[in-house]
């Protein structure tokens, strides 16, 4: 028998993986309780957090792309091309008007 989570070879009578601790199908069939009562709740919470983080990163990526494609402001002092929204030139440091 092999662990469905990490692939470790296990004894036929194993209810849990010796390497990663995952419950085996034999353990599920036998109705063995998980040593972590909050396993499913933690897994659900982590899944939700992962989805929310991915949505946040997508939103940030979109905003960065908009800023990159945004209007440029030419510095009147040095001619440097600056992204709109900047107060000071990235090249010479002088205030943009």
C-alpha atoms as a PDB file:
ATOM      1  CA  UNK A   1       0.000   0.000   0.000  1.00  0.00           C
ATOM      2  CA  UNK A   2       1.190   3.523  -0.763  1.00  0.00           C
ATOM      3  CA  UNK A   3       0.225   6.885   0.785  1.00  0.00           C
ATOM      4  CA  UNK A   4      -2.135   8.804  -1.493  1.00  0.00           C
ATOM      5  CA  UNK A   5      -0.640  12.068  -0.252  1.00  0.00           C
ATOM      6  CA  UNK A   6       3.141  11.567  -0.462  1.00  0.00           C
ATOM      7  CA  UNK A   7       3.585   8.158  -2.125  1.00  0.00           C
ATOM      8  CA  UNK A   8       5.425   6.517   0.789  1.00  0.00           C
ATOM      9  CA  UNK A   9       5.202   2.724   0.863  1.00  0.00           C
ATOM     10  CA  UNK A  10       3.176   1.632   3.910  1.00  0.00           C
ATOM     11  CA  UNK A  11       2.357  -1.574   5.728  1.00  0.00           C
ATOM     12  CA  UNK A  12      -1.052  -2.974   4.711  1.00  0.00           C
ATOM     13  CA  UNK A  13      -2.477  -2.407   8.210  1.00  0.00           C
ATOM     14  CA  UNK A  14      -1.452   1.312   8.390  1.00  0.00           C
ATOM     15  CA  UNK A  15      -4.172   3.816   9.240  1.00  0.00           C
ATOM     16  CA  UNK A  16      -1.777   6.754   8.902  1.00  0.00           C
ATOM     17  CA  UNK A  17       1.273   7.423   6.759  1.00  0.00           C
ATOM     18  CA  UNK A  18       4.557   7.000   8.599  1.00  0.00           C
ATOM     19  CA  UNK A  19       6.137   9.843   6.617  1.00  0.00           C
ATOM     20  CA  UNK A  20       3.520  12.608   6.282  1.00  0.00           C
ATOM     21  CA  UNK A  21       0.817  11.576   8.768  1.00  0.00           C
ATOM     22  CA  UNK A  22      -2.030  11.506   6.233  1.00  0.00           C
ATOM     23  CA  UNK A  23      -4.849   9.082   6.970  1.00  0.00           C
ATOM     24  CA  UNK A  24      -4.877   6.103   4.630  1.00  0.00           C
ATOM     25  CA  UNK A  25      -7.942   4.708   2.892  1.00  0.00           C
ATOM     26  CA  UNK A  26      -7.786   1.809   5.364  1.00  0.00           C
ATOM     27  CA  UNK A  27      -8.005   4.314   8.214  1.00  0.00           C
ATOM     28  CA  UNK A  28     -11.002   5.993   6.582  1.00  0.00           C
ATOM     29  CA  UNK A  29     -12.730   2.636   6.032  1.00  0.00           C
ATOM     30  CA  UNK A  30     -12.118   1.671   9.668  1.00  0.00           C
ATOM     31  CA  UNK A  31     -13.603   4.978  10.860  1.00  0.00           C
ATOM     32  CA  UNK A  32     -10.460   5.904  12.746  1.00  0.00           C
ATOM     33  CA  UNK A  33     -10.791   9.440  14.138  1.00  0.00           C
ATOM     34  CA  UNK A  34      -8.259  11.979  12.978  1.00  0.00           C
ATOM     35  CA  UNK A  35      -5.826  13.066  15.672  1.00  0.00           C
ATOM     36  CA  UNK A  36      -6.522  16.630  14.559  1.00  0.00           C
ATOM     37  CA  UNK A  37     -10.163  17.389  15.235  1.00  0.00           C
ATOM     38  CA  UNK A  38      -9.860  20.702  13.435  1.00  0.00           C
ATOM     39  CA  UNK A  39      -8.231  19.245  10.322  1.00  0.00           C
ATOM     40  CA  UNK A  40     -11.176  19.885   7.990  1.00  0.00           C
ATOM     41  CA  UNK A  41     -11.866  23.328   9.459  1.00  0.00           C
ATOM     42  CA  UNK A  42      -8.234  24.397   9.101  1.00  0.00           C
ATOM     43  CA  UNK A  43      -8.117  23.019   5.560  1.00  0.00           C
ATOM     44  CA  UNK A  44     -11.299  24.933   4.677  1.00  0.00           C
ATOM     45  CA  UNK A  45      -9.929  28.147   6.217  1.00  0.00           C
ATOM     46  CA  UNK A  46      -6.587  27.818   4.443  1.00  0.00           C
ATOM     47  CA  UNK A  47      -8.372  27.197   1.158  1.00  0.00           C
ATOM     48  CA  UNK A  48     -10.459  30.343   1.655  1.00  0.00           C
ATOM     49  CA  UNK A  49      -7.386  32.387   2.546  1.00  0.00           C
ATOM     50  CA  UNK A  50      -5.541  31.087  -0.528  1.00  0.00           C
ATOM     51  CA  UNK A  51      -8.436  32.094  -2.796  1.00  0.00           C
ATOM     52  CA  UNK A  52      -8.637  35.554  -1.213  1.00  0.00           C
ATOM     53  CA  UNK A  53      -4.885  36.059  -1.588  1.00  0.00           C
ATOM     54  CA  UNK A  54      -5.035  35.058  -5.236  1.00  0.00           C
ATOM     55  CA  UNK A  55      -7.869  37.543  -5.828  1.00  0.00           C
ATOM     56  CA  UNK A  56      -5.861  40.258  -4.070  1.00  0.00           C
ATOM     57  CA  UNK A  57      -2.771  39.518  -6.156  1.00  0.00           C
ATOM     58  CA  UNK A  58      -4.879  39.585  -9.331  1.00  0.00           C
ATOM     59  CA  UNK A  59      -6.249  42.993  -8.321  1.00  0.00           C
ATOM     60  CA  UNK A  60      -2.742  44.323  -7.589  1.00  0.00           C
ATOM     61  CA  UNK A  61      -1.451  42.953 -10.923  1.00  0.00           C
ATOM     62  CA  UNK A  62      -4.283  44.725 -12.754  1.00  0.00           C
ATOM     63  CA  UNK A  63      -3.500  48.010 -11.014  1.00  0.00           C
ATOM     64  CA  UNK A  64       0.196  47.686 -11.803  1.00  0.00           C
ATOM     65  CA  UNK A  65      -0.588  46.990 -15.459  1.00  0.00           C
ATOM     66  CA  UNK A  66      -2.878  50.034 -15.584  1.00  0.00           C
ATOM     67  CA  UNK A  67      -0.154  52.197 -14.046  1.00  0.00           C
ATOM     68  CA  UNK A  68       2.467  50.908 -16.465  1.00  0.00           C
ATOM     69  CA  UNK A  69       0.199  51.585 -19.426  1.00  0.00           C
ATOM     70  CA  UNK A  70      -0.846  54.912 -17.929  1.00  0.00           C
ATOM     71  CA  UNK A  71      -0.087  58.365 -19.187  1.00  0.00           C
ATOM     72  CA  UNK A  72       3.503  59.564 -18.883  1.00  0.00           C
ATOM     73  CA  UNK A  73       4.585  62.967 -17.673  1.00  0.00           C
ATOM     74  CA  UNK A  74       7.719  64.492 -19.158  1.00  0.00           C
ATOM     75  CA  UNK A  75       9.893  66.216 -16.583  1.00  0.00           C
ATOM     76  CA  UNK A  76      10.348  69.875 -17.561  1.00  0.00           C
ATOM     77  CA  UNK A  77      13.817  69.882 -15.973  1.00  0.00           C
ATOM     78  CA  UNK A  78      15.522  66.796 -17.460  1.00  0.00           C
ATOM     79  CA  UNK A  79      13.071  65.320 -19.963  1.00  0.00           C
ATOM     80  CA  UNK A  80      12.656  62.050 -18.013  1.00  0.00           C
ATOM     81  CA  UNK A  81       9.476  60.115 -18.713  1.00  0.00           C
ATOM     82  CA  UNK A  82       7.553  59.562 -15.465  1.00  0.00           C
ATOM     83  CA  UNK A  83       4.361  57.633 -14.825  1.00  0.00           C
ATOM     84  CA  UNK A  84       1.330  59.750 -14.094  1.00  0.00           C
ATOM     85  CA  UNK A  85       0.595  60.241 -10.425  1.00  0.00           C
ATOM     86  CA  UNK A  86       4.222  60.904  -9.483  1.00  0.00           C
ATOM     87  CA  UNK A  87       5.072  64.139  -7.691  1.00  0.00           C
ATOM     88  CA  UNK A  88       8.801  64.039  -8.316  1.00  0.00           C
ATOM     89  CA  UNK A  89      10.926  62.976 -11.272  1.00  0.00           C
ATOM     90  CA  UNK A  90      12.476  59.535 -10.914  1.00  0.00           C
ATOM     91  CA  UNK A  91      15.553  60.713 -12.789  1.00  0.00           C
ATOM     92  CA  UNK A  92      16.444  64.155 -11.412  1.00  0.00           C
ATOM     93  CA  UNK A  93      14.307  64.282  -8.264  1.00  0.00           C
ATOM     94  CA  UNK A  94      12.818  67.669  -9.034  1.00  0.00           C
ATOM     95  CA  UNK A  95       9.147  68.346  -8.556  1.00  0.00           C
ATOM     96  CA  UNK A  96       6.925  67.640 -11.552  1.00  0.00           C
ATOM     97  CA  UNK A  97       4.534  70.434 -12.427  1.00  0.00           C
END
